[in-house]
Amino acid sequence: MNDSINIALLQIMPTGSIEQNMEKGVRCCKEASARGADIALFPEMWSSGLPSPMTQRS
């Protein structure tokens, strides 16, 4: 029995729409799983549907 757990820390930028964020999140989860992750942790605001302040222009 293996008592370890592999955690993927995802660094993903939101896209500005909930639908696109969900698609991106599913892709990232699948990739993390393929790389051996048991759990994928997302950034706090990844699924809000709001654009990232880093991508907004002033």
C-alpha atoms as a PDB file:
ATOM      1  CA  MET A   1       0.000   0.000   0.000  1.00  0.00           C
ATOM      2  CA  ASN A   2       1.263   3.456  -0.958  1.00  0.00           C
ATOM      3  CA  ASP A   3       0.522   6.163   1.636  1.00  0.00           C
ATOM      4  CA  SER A   4       1.736   9.063  -0.507  1.00  0.00           C
ATOM      5  CA  ILE A   5      -0.399  11.507  -2.454  1.00  0.00           C
ATOM      6  CA  ASN A   6       0.691  13.551  -5.464  1.00  0.00           C
ATOM      7  CA  ILE A   7      -0.607  17.112  -5.677  1.00  0.00           C
ATOM      8  CA  ALA A   8      -0.521  19.301  -8.799  1.00  0.00           C
ATOM      9  CA  LEU A   9      -0.349  23.049  -8.138  1.00  0.00           C
ATOM     10  CA  LEU A  10      -1.915  24.648 -11.200  1.00  0.00           C
ATOM     11  CA  GLN A  11      -0.790  28.119 -12.253  1.00  0.00           C
ATOM     12  CA  ILE A  12      -3.399  29.107 -14.813  1.00  0.00           C
ATOM     13  CA  MET A  13      -4.676  32.514 -15.851  1.00  0.00           C
ATOM     14  CA  PRO A  14      -8.438  33.054 -16.112  1.00  0.00           C
ATOM     15  CA  THR A  15      -9.754  33.622 -19.624  1.00  0.00           C
ATOM     16  CA  GLY A  16     -12.568  36.064 -18.865  1.00  0.00           C
ATOM     17  CA  SER A  17     -15.476  33.640 -19.302  1.00  0.00           C
ATOM     18  CA  ILE A  18     -16.716  30.893 -17.017  1.00  0.00           C
ATOM     19  CA  GLU A  19     -17.150  28.465 -19.934  1.00  0.00           C
ATOM     20  CA  GLN A  20     -13.594  28.952 -21.202  1.00  0.00           C
ATOM     21  CA  ASN A  21     -12.241  28.733 -17.652  1.00  0.00           C
ATOM     22  CA  MET A  22     -14.061  25.430 -17.159  1.00  0.00           C
ATOM     23  CA  GLU A  23     -12.659  24.011 -20.414  1.00  0.00           C
ATOM     24  CA  LYS A  24      -9.171  25.138 -19.443  1.00  0.00           C
ATOM     25  CA  GLY A  25      -9.589  23.676 -15.950  1.00  0.00           C
ATOM     26  CA  VAL A  26     -10.708  20.297 -17.281  1.00  0.00           C
ATOM     27  CA  ARG A  27      -7.720  20.206 -19.684  1.00  0.00           C
ATOM     28  CA  CYS A  28      -5.338  21.046 -16.849  1.00  0.00           C
ATOM     29  CA  CYS A  29      -6.867  18.375 -14.576  1.00  0.00           C
ATOM     30  CA  LYS A  30      -6.507  15.747 -17.289  1.00  0.00           C
ATOM     31  CA  GLU A  31      -2.874  16.710 -17.848  1.00  0.00           C
ATOM     32  CA  ALA A  32      -2.167  16.672 -14.110  1.00  0.00           C
ATOM     33  CA  SER A  33      -3.750  13.223 -13.824  1.00  0.00           C
ATOM     34  CA  ALA A  34      -1.717  11.958 -16.782  1.00  0.00           C
ATOM     35  CA  ARG A  35       1.402  13.170 -14.957  1.00  0.00           C
ATOM     36  CA  GLY A  36       0.449  11.226 -11.827  1.00  0.00           C
ATOM     37  CA  ALA A  37      -1.427  13.775  -9.717  1.00  0.00           C
ATOM     38  CA  ASP A  38      -4.098  12.574  -7.300  1.00  0.00           C
ATOM     39  CA  ILE A  39      -5.332  16.116  -6.557  1.00  0.00           C
ATOM     40  CA  ALA A  40      -5.147  19.345  -8.587  1.00  0.00           C
ATOM     41  CA  LEU A  41      -5.209  22.679  -6.752  1.00  0.00           C
ATOM     42  CA  PHE A  42      -6.420  25.733  -8.643  1.00  0.00           C
ATOM     43  CA  PRO A  43      -5.719  29.427  -8.058  1.00  0.00           C
ATOM     44  CA  GLU A  44      -8.340  31.223  -5.973  1.00  0.00           C
ATOM     45  CA  MET A  45     -10.007  33.202  -8.792  1.00  0.00           C
ATOM     46  CA  TRP A  46      -9.587  30.812 -11.731  1.00  0.00           C
ATOM     47  CA  SER A  47     -13.307  30.128 -12.233  1.00  0.00           C
ATOM     48  CA  SER A  48     -14.856  33.523 -11.506  1.00  0.00           C
ATOM     49  CA  GLY A  49     -15.379  34.535 -15.136  1.00  0.00           C
ATOM     50  CA  LEU A  50     -13.646  37.840 -14.457  1.00  0.00           C
ATOM     51  CA  PRO A  51     -10.617  38.808 -16.530  1.00  0.00           C
ATOM     52  CA  SER A  52      -7.279  38.745 -14.759  1.00  0.00           C
ATOM     53  CA  PRO A  53      -5.973  42.179 -13.710  1.00  0.00           C
ATOM     54  CA  MET A  54      -2.688  41.107 -15.284  1.00  0.00           C
ATOM     55  CA  THR A  55      -4.328  40.876 -18.725  1.00  0.00           C
ATOM     56  CA  GLN A  56      -6.297  44.136 -18.562  1.00  0.00           C
ATOM     57  CA  ARG A  57      -4.846  47.170 -20.281  1.00  0.00           C
ATOM     58  CA  SER A  58      -5.101  50.648 -18.833  1.00  0.00           C
END
